[in-house]
Amino acid sequence: MLSAVSEQDNPWIDIAPGIKRRTIATGASMYQMRAELTAGSVLPEHMHPQEQIAHVIKGRMKLIVAGVPHELAAGDAFYLASNVRHGVETLDDTTVIDTFSPPRDDYLARDEKARRAS
């Protein structure tokens, strides 16, 4: 697995209108990414088998977990257990660092596909 990563090695990938992500690093049991969300963007409700910690670096967003809204601002973090339905409404331009365990193999596969296409 990767031990040191240059940001240029990982492409930006659009995941919803106004929302993009870039892999930071991955390992045997963890995956970390940076997400950039423009004000007013929405990440539809979804769930995944990975546990997730979302750490807001700048901006504000509403994280809706199992139907309950949680407003998060810079410095806030939120833990999501596996297979919990959640979505996002972005209130301001926002940067989030998301950490997943186990790794997001679906995201890593999209990264590799984007690298081959460039």
PDB file of N, CA and C in Angstrom:
ATOM      1  N   MET A   1       0.835  -1.188   0.000  1.00  0.00           N
ATOM      2  CA  MET A   1       0.000   0.000   0.000  1.00  0.00           C
ATOM      3  C   MET A   1       0.878   1.250   0.000  1.00  0.00           C
ATOM      4  N   LEU A   2       0.250   2.394  -0.166  1.00  0.00           N
ATOM      5  CA  LEU A   2       0.969   3.661  -0.225  1.00  0.00           C
ATOM      6  C   LEU A   2       1.463   4.078   1.149  1.00  0.00           C
ATOM      7  N   SER A   3       2.658   4.660   1.194  1.00  0.00           N
ATOM      8  CA  SER A   3       3.139   5.196   2.459  1.00  0.00           C
ATOM      9  C   SER A   3       3.350   6.697   2.366  1.00  0.00           C
ATOM     10  N   ALA A   4       3.689   7.197   1.194  1.00  0.00           N
ATOM     11  CA  ALA A   4       3.812   8.636   0.966  1.00  0.00           C
ATOM     12  C   ALA A   4       3.089   8.956  -0.340  1.00  0.00           C
ATOM     13  N   VAL A   5       2.340  10.040  -0.342  1.00  0.00           N
ATOM     14  CA  VAL A   5       1.516  10.364  -1.496  1.00  0.00           C
ATOM     15  C   VAL A   5       1.728  11.810  -1.890  1.00  0.00           C
ATOM     16  N   SER A   6       1.932  12.042  -3.172  1.00  0.00           N
ATOM     17  CA  SER A   6       1.942  13.392  -3.710  1.00  0.00           C
ATOM     18  C   SER A   6       0.515  13.719  -4.134  1.00  0.00           C
ATOM     19  N   GLU A   7       0.033  14.888  -3.753  1.00  0.00           N
ATOM     20  CA  GLU A   7      -1.330  15.257  -4.090  1.00  0.00           C
ATOM     21  C   GLU A   7      -1.596  15.136  -5.591  1.00  0.00           C
ATOM     22  N   GLN A   8      -0.593  15.427  -6.411  1.00  0.00           N
ATOM     23  CA  GLN A   8      -0.770  15.352  -7.862  1.00  0.00           C
ATOM     24  C   GLN A   8      -0.987  13.924  -8.357  1.00  0.00           C
ATOM     25  N   ASP A   9      -0.618  12.926  -7.544  1.00  0.00           N
ATOM     26  CA  ASP A   9      -0.802  11.531  -7.946  1.00  0.00           C
ATOM     27  C   ASP A   9      -2.269  11.106  -7.910  1.00  0.00           C
ATOM     28  N   ASN A  10      -3.095  11.860  -7.197  1.00  0.00           N
ATOM     29  CA  ASN A  10      -4.501  11.490  -7.042  1.00  0.00           C
ATOM     30  C   ASN A  10      -5.394  12.538  -7.684  1.00  0.00           C
ATOM     31  N   PRO A  11      -6.253  12.117  -8.608  1.00  0.00           N
ATOM     32  CA  PRO A  11      -7.115  13.065  -9.320  1.00  0.00           C
ATOM     33  C   PRO A  11      -8.293  13.526  -8.467  1.00  0.00           C
ATOM     34  N   TRP A  12      -8.826  14.684  -8.832  1.00  0.00           N
ATOM     35  CA  TRP A  12     -10.109  15.115  -8.264  1.00  0.00           C
ATOM     36  C   TRP A  12     -11.201  14.325  -8.977  1.00  0.00           C
ATOM     37  N   ILE A  13     -12.157  13.824  -8.213  1.00  0.00           N
ATOM     38  CA  ILE A  13     -13.262  13.036  -8.751  1.00  0.00           C
ATOM     39  C   ILE A  13     -14.572  13.699  -8.302  1.00  0.00           C
ATOM     40  N   ASP A  14     -15.454  13.987  -9.255  1.00  0.00           N
ATOM     41  CA  ASP A  14     -16.771  14.526  -8.916  1.00  0.00           C
ATOM     42  C   ASP A  14     -17.626  13.407  -8.343  1.00  0.00           C
ATOM     43  N   ILE A  15     -18.270  13.682  -7.194  1.00  0.00           N
ATOM     44  CA  ILE A  15     -19.145  12.668  -6.601  1.00  0.00           C
ATOM     45  C   ILE A  15     -20.607  13.108  -6.568  1.00  0.00           C
ATOM     46  N   ALA A  16     -20.855  14.393  -6.758  1.00  0.00           N
ATOM     47  CA  ALA A  16     -22.204  14.955  -6.881  1.00  0.00           C
ATOM     48  C   ALA A  16     -22.019  16.362  -7.424  1.00  0.00           C
ATOM     49  N   PRO A  17     -23.058  16.968  -7.989  1.00  0.00           N
ATOM     50  CA  PRO A  17     -22.902  18.340  -8.473  1.00  0.00           C
ATOM     51  C   PRO A  17     -22.404  19.270  -7.360  1.00  0.00           C
ATOM     52  N   GLY A  18     -21.277  19.940  -7.620  1.00  0.00           N
ATOM     53  CA  GLY A  18     -20.701  20.856  -6.634  1.00  0.00           C
ATOM     54  C   GLY A  18     -19.871  20.190  -5.554  1.00  0.00           C
ATOM     55  N   ILE A  19     -19.665  18.874  -5.659  1.00  0.00           N
ATOM     56  CA  ILE A  19     -18.898  18.130  -4.647  1.00  0.00           C
ATOM     57  C   ILE A  19     -17.863  17.263  -5.351  1.00  0.00           C
ATOM     58  N   LYS A  20     -16.600  17.432  -4.949  1.00  0.00           N
ATOM     59  CA  LYS A  20     -15.528  16.612  -5.501  1.00  0.00           C
ATOM     60  C   LYS A  20     -14.660  16.098  -4.359  1.00  0.00           C
ATOM     61  N   ARG A  21     -13.934  15.016  -4.651  1.00  0.00           N
ATOM     62  CA  ARG A  21     -13.065  14.418  -3.639  1.00  0.00           C
ATOM     63  C   ARG A  21     -11.726  14.055  -4.252  1.00  0.00           C
ATOM     64  N   ARG A  22     -10.721  13.990  -3.394  1.00  0.00           N
ATOM     65  CA  ARG A  22      -9.386  13.567  -3.800  1.00  0.00           C
ATOM     66  C   ARG A  22      -8.825  12.684  -2.690  1.00  0.00           C
ATOM     67  N   THR A  23      -8.335  11.516  -3.075  1.00  0.00           N
ATOM     68  CA  THR A  23      -7.712  10.621  -2.100  1.00  0.00           C
ATOM     69  C   THR A  23      -6.473  11.283  -1.529  1.00  0.00           C
ATOM     70  N   ILE A  24      -6.317  11.202  -0.217  1.00  0.00           N
ATOM     71  CA  ILE A  24      -5.102  11.672   0.446  1.00  0.00           C
ATOM     72  C   ILE A  24      -4.139  10.495   0.592  1.00  0.00           C
ATOM     73  N   ALA A  25      -4.617   9.423   1.220  1.00  0.00           N
ATOM     74  CA  ALA A  25      -3.780   8.237   1.427  1.00  0.00           C
ATOM     75  C   ALA A  25      -4.674   7.055   1.754  1.00  0.00           C
ATOM     76  N   THR A  26      -4.097   5.872   1.604  1.00  0.00           N
ATOM     77  CA  THR A  26      -4.825   4.659   1.950  1.00  0.00           C
ATOM     78  C   THR A  26      -3.843   3.653   2.527  1.00  0.00           C
ATOM     79  N   GLY A  27      -4.379   2.709   3.266  1.00  0.00           N
ATOM     80  CA  GLY A  27      -3.562   1.657   3.854  1.00  0.00           C
ATOM     81  C   GLY A  27      -4.374   0.374   3.909  1.00  0.00           C
ATOM     82  N   ALA A  28      -3.890  -0.585   4.674  1.00  0.00           N
ATOM     83  CA  ALA A  28      -4.563  -1.878   4.753  1.00  0.00           C
ATOM     84  C   ALA A  28      -5.938  -1.770   5.408  1.00  0.00           C
ATOM     85  N   SER A  29      -6.113  -0.840   6.352  1.00  0.00           N
ATOM     86  CA  SER A  29      -7.386  -0.773   7.075  1.00  0.00           C
ATOM     87  C   SER A  29      -8.008   0.624   7.107  1.00  0.00           C
ATOM     88  N   MET A  30      -7.384   1.609   6.459  1.00  0.00           N
ATOM     89  CA  MET A  30      -7.930   2.968   6.465  1.00  0.00           C
ATOM     90  C   MET A  30      -7.803   3.606   5.090  1.00  0.00           C
ATOM     91  N   TYR A  31      -8.674   4.589   4.854  1.00  0.00           N
ATOM     92  CA  TYR A  31      -8.659   5.386   3.626  1.00  0.00           C
ATOM     93  C   TYR A  31      -9.007   6.811   4.036  1.00  0.00           C
ATOM     94  N   GLN A  32      -8.285   7.795   3.489  1.00  0.00           N
ATOM     95  CA  GLN A  32      -8.569   9.183   3.814  1.00  0.00           C
ATOM     96  C   GLN A  32      -8.659  10.007   2.544  1.00  0.00           C
ATOM     97  N   MET A  33      -9.628  10.935   2.532  1.00  0.00           N
ATOM     98  CA  MET A  33      -9.841  11.786   1.369  1.00  0.00           C
ATOM     99  C   MET A  33     -10.162  13.202   1.810  1.00  0.00           C
ATOM    100  N   ARG A  34      -9.979  14.123   0.867  1.00  0.00           N
ATOM    101  CA  ARG A  34     -10.376  15.517   1.046  1.00  0.00           C
ATOM    102  C   ARG A  34     -11.571  15.741   0.138  1.00  0.00           C
ATOM    103  N   ALA A  35     -12.603  16.376   0.672  1.00  0.00           N
ATOM    104  CA  ALA A  35     -13.775  16.718  -0.125  1.00  0.00           C
ATOM    105  C   ALA A  35     -13.937  18.231  -0.133  1.00  0.00           C
ATOM    106  N   GLU A  36     -14.244  18.766  -1.302  1.00  0.00           N
ATOM    107  CA  GLU A  36     -14.545  20.187  -1.471  1.00  0.00           C
ATOM    108  C   GLU A  36     -16.010  20.283  -1.885  1.00  0.00           C
ATOM    109  N   LEU A  37     -16.795  21.023  -1.120  1.00  0.00           N
ATOM    110  CA  LEU A  37     -18.224  21.146  -1.353  1.00  0.00           C
ATOM    111  C   LEU A  37     -18.573  22.622  -1.539  1.00  0.00           C
ATOM    112  N   THR A  38     -19.241  22.960  -2.625  1.00  0.00           N
ATOM    113  CA  THR A  38     -19.645  24.344  -2.836  1.00  0.00           C
ATOM    114  C   THR A  38     -20.960  24.607  -2.103  1.00  0.00           C
ATOM    115  N   ALA A  39     -21.128  25.851  -1.660  1.00  0.00           N
ATOM    116  CA  ALA A  39     -22.342  26.241  -0.946  1.00  0.00           C
ATOM    117  C   ALA A  39     -23.571  25.867  -1.768  1.00  0.00           C
ATOM    118  N   GLY A  40     -24.556  25.273  -1.118  1.00  0.00           N
ATOM    119  CA  GLY A  40     -25.788  24.884  -1.788  1.00  0.00           C
ATOM    120  C   GLY A  40     -25.770  23.498  -2.394  1.00  0.00           C
ATOM    121  N   SER A  41     -24.617  22.835  -2.399  1.00  0.00           N
ATOM    122  CA  SER A  41     -24.557  21.487  -2.966  1.00  0.00           C
ATOM    123  C   SER A  41     -25.192  20.475  -2.000  1.00  0.00           C
ATOM    124  N   VAL A  42     -25.612  19.364  -2.578  1.00  0.00           N
ATOM    125  CA  VAL A  42     -26.280  18.316  -1.800  1.00  0.00           C
ATOM    126  C   VAL A  42     -25.661  16.971  -2.154  1.00  0.00           C
ATOM    127  N   LEU A  43     -25.280  16.220  -1.143  1.00  0.00           N
ATOM    128  CA  LEU A  43     -24.875  14.824  -1.336  1.00  0.00           C
ATOM    129  C   LEU A  43     -26.070  13.983  -0.914  1.00  0.00           C
ATOM    130  N   PRO A  44     -26.704  13.299  -1.866  1.00  0.00           N
ATOM    131  CA  PRO A  44     -27.921  12.546  -1.532  1.00  0.00           C
ATOM    132  C   PRO A  44     -27.672  11.507  -0.440  1.00  0.00           C
ATOM    133  N   GLU A  45     -28.743  11.185   0.243  1.00  0.00           N
ATOM    134  CA  GLU A  45     -28.677  10.181   1.298  1.00  0.00           C
ATOM    135  C   GLU A  45     -28.139   8.868   0.727  1.00  0.00           C
ATOM    136  N   HIS A  46     -27.244   8.244   1.469  1.00  0.00           N
ATOM    137  CA  HIS A  46     -26.626   6.990   1.056  1.00  0.00           C
ATOM    138  C   HIS A  46     -26.094   6.281   2.293  1.00  0.00           C
ATOM    139  N   MET A  47     -25.551   5.106   2.112  1.00  0.00           N
ATOM    140  CA  MET A  47     -24.860   4.407   3.201  1.00  0.00           C
ATOM    141  C   MET A  47     -23.815   3.498   2.585  1.00  0.00           C
ATOM    142  N   HIS A  48     -22.858   3.088   3.406  1.00  0.00           N
ATOM    143  CA  HIS A  48     -21.772   2.225   2.956  1.00  0.00           C
ATOM    144  C   HIS A  48     -21.304   1.387   4.133  1.00  0.00           C
ATOM    145  N   PRO A  49     -20.629   0.276   3.854  1.00  0.00           N
ATOM    146  CA  PRO A  49     -20.213  -0.618   4.934  1.00  0.00           C
ATOM    147  C   PRO A  49     -19.065  -0.071   5.782  1.00  0.00           C
ATOM    148  N   GLN A  50     -18.385   0.950   5.300  1.00  0.00           N
ATOM    149  CA  GLN A  50     -17.256   1.505   6.045  1.00  0.00           C
ATOM    150  C   GLN A  50     -17.737   2.396   7.195  1.00  0.00           C
ATOM    151  N   GLU A  51     -16.984   2.377   8.304  1.00  0.00           N
ATOM    152  CA  GLU A  51     -17.130   3.404   9.323  1.00  0.00           C
ATOM    153  C   GLU A  51     -16.517   4.673   8.744  1.00  0.00           C
ATOM    154  N   GLN A  52     -16.973   5.830   9.205  1.00  0.00           N
ATOM    155  CA  GLN A  52     -16.480   7.094   8.653  1.00  0.00           C
ATOM    156  C   GLN A  52     -16.363   8.135   9.757  1.00  0.00           C
ATOM    157  N   ILE A  53     -15.303   8.925   9.684  1.00  0.00           N
ATOM    158  CA  ILE A  53     -15.194  10.129  10.496  1.00  0.00           C
ATOM    159  C   ILE A  53     -15.060  11.293   9.532  1.00  0.00           C
ATOM    160  N   ALA A  54     -15.983  12.253   9.641  1.00  0.00           N
ATOM    161  CA  ALA A  54     -15.957  13.467   8.825  1.00  0.00           C
ATOM    162  C   ALA A  54     -15.448  14.602   9.708  1.00  0.00           C
ATOM    163  N   HIS A  55     -14.370  15.264   9.277  1.00  0.00           N
ATOM    164  CA  HIS A  55     -13.773  16.371  10.027  1.00  0.00           C
ATOM    165  C   HIS A  55     -13.843  17.617   9.146  1.00  0.00           C
ATOM    166  N   VAL A  56     -14.612  18.598   9.572  1.00  0.00           N
ATOM    167  CA  VAL A  56     -14.788  19.826   8.795  1.00  0.00           C
ATOM    168  C   VAL A  56     -13.581  20.733   9.022  1.00  0.00           C
ATOM    169  N   ILE A  57     -12.883  21.074   7.945  1.00  0.00           N
ATOM    170  CA  ILE A  57     -11.702  21.933   8.010  1.00  0.00           C
ATOM    171  C   ILE A  57     -12.093  23.400   7.875  1.00  0.00           C
ATOM    172  N   LYS A  58     -13.028  23.683   6.958  1.00  0.00           N
ATOM    173  CA  LYS A  58     -13.541  25.051   6.816  1.00  0.00           C
ATOM    174  C   LYS A  58     -14.970  24.985   6.320  1.00  0.00           C
ATOM    175  N   GLY A  59     -15.729  26.038   6.589  1.00  0.00           N
ATOM    176  CA  GLY A  59     -17.099  26.123   6.111  1.00  0.00           C
ATOM    177  C   GLY A  59     -18.100  25.553   7.093  1.00  0.00           C
ATOM    178  N   ARG A  60     -19.319  25.332   6.565  1.00  0.00           N
ATOM    179  CA  ARG A  60     -20.422  24.782   7.353  1.00  0.00           C
ATOM    180  C   ARG A  60     -21.259  23.862   6.477  1.00  0.00           C
ATOM    181  N   MET A  61     -21.755  22.807   7.095  1.00  0.00           N
ATOM    182  CA  MET A  61     -22.628  21.876   6.381  1.00  0.00           C
ATOM    183  C   MET A  61     -23.614  21.265   7.355  1.00  0.00           C
ATOM    184  N   LYS A  62     -24.700  20.751   6.795  1.00  0.00           N
ATOM    185  CA  LYS A  62     -25.678  20.022   7.591  1.00  0.00           C
ATOM    186  C   LYS A  62     -25.530  18.553   7.217  1.00  0.00           C
ATOM    187  N   LEU A  63     -25.128  17.745   8.176  1.00  0.00           N
ATOM    188  CA  LEU A  63     -25.019  16.300   8.003  1.00  0.00           C
ATOM    189  C   LEU A  63     -26.307  15.690   8.542  1.00  0.00           C
ATOM    190  N   ILE A  64     -27.020  15.002   7.682  1.00  0.00           N
ATOM    191  CA  ILE A  64     -28.291  14.407   8.081  1.00  0.00           C
ATOM    192  C   ILE A  64     -28.061  12.917   8.263  1.00  0.00           C
ATOM    193  N   VAL A  65     -28.179  12.459   9.504  1.00  0.00           N
ATOM    194  CA  VAL A  65     -27.868  11.073   9.864  1.00  0.00           C
ATOM    195  C   VAL A  65     -29.146  10.396  10.344  1.00  0.00           C
ATOM    196  N   ALA A  66     -29.554   9.364   9.612  1.00  0.00           N
ATOM    197  CA  ALA A  66     -30.778   8.632   9.949  1.00  0.00           C
ATOM    198  C   ALA A  66     -31.942   9.601  10.146  1.00  0.00           C
ATOM    199  N   GLY A  67     -31.993  10.644   9.277  1.00  0.00           N
ATOM    200  CA  GLY A  67     -33.083  11.608   9.314  1.00  0.00           C
ATOM    201  C   GLY A  67     -32.910  12.763  10.284  1.00  0.00           C
ATOM    202  N   VAL A  68     -31.849  12.761  11.082  1.00  0.00           N
ATOM    203  CA  VAL A  68     -31.621  13.808  12.085  1.00  0.00           C
ATOM    204  C   VAL A  68     -30.522  14.746  11.588  1.00  0.00           C
ATOM    205  N   PRO A  69     -30.822  16.059  11.450  1.00  0.00           N
ATOM    206  CA  PRO A  69     -29.803  17.001  10.981  1.00  0.00           C
ATOM    207  C   PRO A  69     -28.827  17.407  12.088  1.00  0.00           C
ATOM    208  N   HIS A  70     -27.560  17.536  11.698  1.00  0.00           N
ATOM    209  CA  HIS A  70     -26.493  17.991  12.597  1.00  0.00           C
ATOM    210  C   HIS A  70     -25.716  19.061  11.849  1.00  0.00           C
ATOM    211  N   GLU A  71     -25.717  20.303  12.347  1.00  0.00           N
ATOM    212  CA  GLU A  71     -24.947  21.354  11.692  1.00  0.00           C
ATOM    213  C   GLU A  71     -23.509  21.285  12.187  1.00  0.00           C
ATOM    214  N   LEU A  72     -22.576  21.177  11.254  1.00  0.00           N
ATOM    215  CA  LEU A  72     -21.154  21.085  11.567  1.00  0.00           C
ATOM    216  C   LEU A  72     -20.438  22.280  10.965  1.00  0.00           C
ATOM    217  N   ALA A  73     -19.465  22.823  11.709  1.00  0.00           N
ATOM    218  CA  ALA A  73     -18.658  23.952  11.254  1.00  0.00           C
ATOM    219  C   ALA A  73     -17.190  23.591  11.399  1.00  0.00           C
ATOM    220  N   ALA A  74     -16.325  24.477  10.913  1.00  0.00           N
ATOM    221  CA  ALA A  74     -14.875  24.236  10.968  1.00  0.00           C
ATOM    222  C   ALA A  74     -14.465  23.799  12.373  1.00  0.00           C
ATOM    223  N   GLY A  75     -13.704  22.703  12.421  1.00  0.00           N
ATOM    224  CA  GLY A  75     -13.231  22.149  13.692  1.00  0.00           C
ATOM    225  C   GLY A  75     -14.091  21.015  14.220  1.00  0.00           C
ATOM    226  N   ASP A  76     -15.328  20.895  13.718  1.00  0.00           N
ATOM    227  CA  ASP A  76     -16.217  19.830  14.182  1.00  0.00           C
ATOM    228  C   ASP A  76     -15.916  18.523  13.449  1.00  0.00           C
ATOM    229  N   ALA A  77     -16.188  17.418  14.132  1.00  0.00           N
ATOM    230  CA  ALA A  77     -16.042  16.093  13.537  1.00  0.00           C
ATOM    231  C   ALA A  77     -17.261  15.261  13.912  1.00  0.00           C
ATOM    232  N   PHE A  78     -17.546  14.246  13.093  1.00  0.00           N
ATOM    233  CA  PHE A  78     -18.712  13.392  13.341  1.00  0.00           C
ATOM    234  C   PHE A  78     -18.351  11.968  12.953  1.00  0.00           C
ATOM    235  N   TYR A  79     -18.653  11.028  13.842  1.00  0.00           N
ATOM    236  CA  TYR A  79     -18.428   9.604  13.578  1.00  0.00           C
ATOM    237  C   TYR A  79     -19.715   8.989  13.028  1.00  0.00           C
ATOM    238  N   LEU A  80     -19.585   8.223  11.948  1.00  0.00           N
ATOM    239  CA  LEU A  80     -20.707   7.487  11.364  1.00  0.00           C
ATOM    240  C   LEU A  80     -20.387   5.994  11.407  1.00  0.00           C
ATOM    241  N   ALA A  81     -21.238   5.232  12.039  1.00  0.00           N
ATOM    242  CA  ALA A  81     -21.075   3.778  12.065  1.00  0.00           C
ATOM    243  C   ALA A  81     -21.357   3.225  10.665  1.00  0.00           C
ATOM    244  N   SER A  82     -20.951   2.005  10.417  1.00  0.00           N
ATOM    245  CA  SER A  82     -21.188   1.395   9.108  1.00  0.00           C
ATOM    246  C   SER A  82     -22.686   1.219   8.875  1.00  0.00           C
ATOM    247  N   ASN A  83     -23.065   1.340   7.595  1.00  0.00           N
ATOM    248  CA  ASN A  83     -24.433   1.120   7.135  1.00  0.00           C
ATOM    249  C   ASN A  83     -25.477   2.030   7.786  1.00  0.00           C
ATOM    250  N   VAL A  84     -25.066   3.257   8.144  1.00  0.00           N
ATOM    251  CA  VAL A  84     -26.010   4.258   8.649  1.00  0.00           C
ATOM    252  C   VAL A  84     -26.315   5.227   7.510  1.00  0.00           C
ATOM    253  N   ARG A  85     -27.598   5.436   7.212  1.00  0.00           N
ATOM    254  CA  ARG A  85     -27.997   6.347   6.138  1.00  0.00           C
ATOM    255  C   ARG A  85     -27.622   7.773   6.522  1.00  0.00           C
ATOM    256  N   HIS A  86     -27.019   8.488   5.550  1.00  0.00           N
ATOM    257  CA  HIS A  86     -26.620   9.877   5.796  1.00  0.00           C
ATOM    258  C   HIS A  86     -26.510  10.623   4.478  1.00  0.00           C
ATOM    259  N   GLY A  87     -26.612  11.938   4.565  1.00  0.00           N
ATOM    260  CA  GLY A  87     -26.478  12.814   3.414  1.00  0.00           C
ATOM    261  C   GLY A  87     -26.002  14.178   3.901  1.00  0.00           C
ATOM    262  N   VAL A  88     -25.733  15.085   2.968  1.00  0.00           N
ATOM    263  CA  VAL A  88     -25.180  16.391   3.320  1.00  0.00           C
ATOM    264  C   VAL A  88     -25.894  17.486   2.547  1.00  0.00           C
ATOM    265  N   GLU A  89     -26.155  18.593   3.222  1.00  0.00           N
ATOM    266  CA  GLU A  89     -26.565  19.844   2.603  1.00  0.00           C
ATOM    267  C   GLU A  89     -25.492  20.855   2.969  1.00  0.00           C
ATOM    268  N   THR A  90     -24.857  21.467   1.970  1.00  0.00           N
ATOM    269  CA  THR A  90     -23.734  22.369   2.220  1.00  0.00           C
ATOM    270  C   THR A  90     -24.245  23.793   2.408  1.00  0.00           C
ATOM    271  N   LEU A  91     -23.909  24.402   3.543  1.00  0.00           N
ATOM    272  CA  LEU A  91     -24.376  25.743   3.875  1.00  0.00           C
ATOM    273  C   LEU A  91     -23.427  26.827   3.369  1.00  0.00           C
ATOM    274  N   ASP A  92     -22.126  26.583   3.422  1.00  0.00           N
ATOM    275  CA  ASP A  92     -21.080  27.483   2.932  1.00  0.00           C
ATOM    276  C   ASP A  92     -20.095  26.639   2.129  1.00  0.00           C
ATOM    277  N   ASP A  93     -19.216  27.277   1.348  1.00  0.00           N
ATOM    278  CA  ASP A  93     -18.126  26.509   0.736  1.00  0.00           C
ATOM    279  C   ASP A  93     -17.397  25.786   1.865  1.00  0.00           C
ATOM    280  N   THR A  94     -17.214  24.489   1.706  1.00  0.00           N
ATOM    281  CA  THR A  94     -16.755  23.649   2.821  1.00  0.00           C
ATOM    282  C   THR A  94     -15.676  22.688   2.359  1.00  0.00           C
ATOM    283  N   THR A  95     -14.705  22.460   3.245  1.00  0.00           N
ATOM    284  CA  THR A  95     -13.675  21.442   3.052  1.00  0.00           C
ATOM    285  C   THR A  95     -13.793  20.432   4.190  1.00  0.00           C
ATOM    286  N   VAL A  96     -13.807  19.159   3.829  1.00  0.00           N
ATOM    287  CA  VAL A  96     -13.942  18.083   4.809  1.00  0.00           C
ATOM    288  C   VAL A  96     -12.842  17.053   4.568  1.00  0.00           C
ATOM    289  N   ILE A  97     -12.254  16.562   5.637  1.00  0.00           N
ATOM    290  CA  ILE A  97     -11.370  15.400   5.576  1.00  0.00           C
ATOM    291  C   ILE A  97     -12.180  14.219   6.094  1.00  0.00           C
ATOM    292  N   ASP A  98     -12.362  13.217   5.228  1.00  0.00           N
ATOM    293  CA  ASP A  98     -13.112  12.013   5.592  1.00  0.00           C
ATOM    294  C   ASP A  98     -12.147  10.849   5.712  1.00  0.00           C
ATOM    295  N   THR A  99     -12.296  10.100   6.794  1.00  0.00           N
ATOM    296  CA  THR A  99     -11.498   8.895   7.015  1.00  0.00           C
ATOM    297  C   THR A  99     -12.462   7.719   7.108  1.00  0.00           C
ATOM    298  N   PHE A 100     -12.141   6.653   6.378  1.00  0.00           N
ATOM    299  CA  PHE A 100     -12.993   5.473   6.315  1.00  0.00           C
ATOM    300  C   PHE A 100     -12.193   4.241   6.737  1.00  0.00           C
ATOM    301  N   SER A 101     -12.900   3.291   7.358  1.00  0.00           N
ATOM    302  CA  SER A 101     -12.311   1.997   7.663  1.00  0.00           C
ATOM    303  C   SER A 101     -13.394   0.945   7.493  1.00  0.00           C
ATOM    304  N   PRO A 102     -13.135  -0.104   6.699  1.00  0.00           N
ATOM    305  CA  PRO A 102     -11.963  -0.338   5.865  1.00  0.00           C
ATOM    306  C   PRO A 102     -11.917   0.641   4.689  1.00  0.00           C
ATOM    307  N   PRO A 103     -10.874   0.556   3.874  1.00  0.00           N
ATOM    308  CA  PRO A 103     -10.728   1.485   2.747  1.00  0.00           C
ATOM    309  C   PRO A 103     -11.914   1.445   1.781  1.00  0.00           C
ATOM    310  N   ARG A 104     -12.081   2.557   1.048  1.00  0.00           N
ATOM    311  CA  ARG A 104     -13.119   2.668   0.017  1.00  0.00           C
ATOM    312  C   ARG A 104     -12.554   2.129  -1.289  1.00  0.00           C
ATOM    313  N   ASP A 105     -12.659   0.837  -1.488  1.00  0.00           N
ATOM    314  CA  ASP A 105     -12.144   0.233  -2.714  1.00  0.00           C
ATOM    315  C   ASP A 105     -12.840   0.796  -3.956  1.00  0.00           C
ATOM    316  N   ASP A 106     -14.114   1.176  -3.829  1.00  0.00           N
ATOM    317  CA  ASP A 106     -14.822   1.772  -4.963  1.00  0.00           C
ATOM    318  C   ASP A 106     -14.178   3.099  -5.354  1.00  0.00           C
ATOM    319  N   TYR A 107     -13.792   3.909  -4.392  1.00  0.00           N
ATOM    320  CA  TYR A 107     -13.129   5.180  -4.686  1.00  0.00           C
ATOM    321  C   TYR A 107     -11.732   4.951  -5.261  1.00  0.00           C
ATOM    322  N   LEU A 108     -11.000   4.006  -4.722  1.00  0.00           N
ATOM    323  CA  LEU A 108      -9.658   3.712  -5.231  1.00  0.00           C
ATOM    324  C   LEU A 108      -9.725   3.225  -6.679  1.00  0.00           C
ATOM    325  N   ALA A 109     -10.742   2.434  -7.006  1.00  0.00           N
ATOM    326  CA  ALA A 109     -10.903   1.964  -8.385  1.00  0.00           C
ATOM    327  C   ALA A 109     -11.210   3.134  -9.315  1.00  0.00           C
ATOM    328  N   ARG A 110     -12.041   4.073  -8.884  1.00  0.00           N
ATOM    329  CA  ARG A 110     -12.318   5.264  -9.713  1.00  0.00           C
ATOM    330  C   ARG A 110     -11.079   6.123  -9.880  1.00  0.00           C
ATOM    331  N   ASP A 111     -10.261   6.220  -8.827  1.00  0.00           N
ATOM    332  CA  ASP A 111      -8.991   6.960  -8.941  1.00  0.00           C
ATOM    333  C   ASP A 111      -8.123   6.342 -10.035  1.00  0.00           C
ATOM    334  N   GLU A 112      -7.991   5.029  -9.992  1.00  0.00           N
ATOM    335  CA  GLU A 112      -7.134   4.333 -10.963  1.00  0.00           C
ATOM    336  C   GLU A 112      -7.672   4.500 -12.377  1.00  0.00           C
ATOM    337  N   LYS A 113      -8.975   4.420 -12.540  1.00  0.00           N
ATOM    338  CA  LYS A 113      -9.593   4.602 -13.854  1.00  0.00           C
ATOM    339  C   LYS A 113      -9.319   6.028 -14.367  1.00  0.00           C
ATOM    340  N   ALA A 114      -9.419   7.036 -13.505  1.00  0.00           N
ATOM    341  CA  ALA A 114      -9.164   8.420 -13.903  1.00  0.00           C
ATOM    342  C   ALA A 114      -7.685   8.615 -14.263  1.00  0.00           C
ATOM    343  N   ARG A 115      -6.783   7.962 -13.533  1.00  0.00           N
ATOM    344  CA  ARG A 115      -5.348   8.070 -13.848  1.00  0.00           C
ATOM    345  C   ARG A 115      -5.058   7.489 -15.240  1.00  0.00           C
ATOM    346  N   ARG A 116      -5.660   6.348 -15.551  1.00  0.00           N
ATOM    347  CA  ARG A 116      -5.444   5.712 -16.855  1.00  0.00           C
ATOM    348  C   ARG A 116      -6.007   6.556 -17.989  1.00  0.00           C
ATOM    349  N   ALA A 117      -7.095   7.292 -17.730  1.00  0.00           N
ATOM    350  CA  ALA A 117      -7.742   8.097 -18.759  1.00  0.00           C
ATOM    351  C   ALA A 117      -6.987   9.389 -19.050  1.00  0.00           C
ATOM    352  N   SER A 118      -6.132   9.818 -18.123  1.00  0.00           N
ATOM    353  CA  SER A 118      -5.430  11.102 -18.345  1.00  0.00           C
ATOM    354  C   SER A 118      -4.117  10.931 -19.066  1.00  0.00           C
TER     355      SER A 118
END
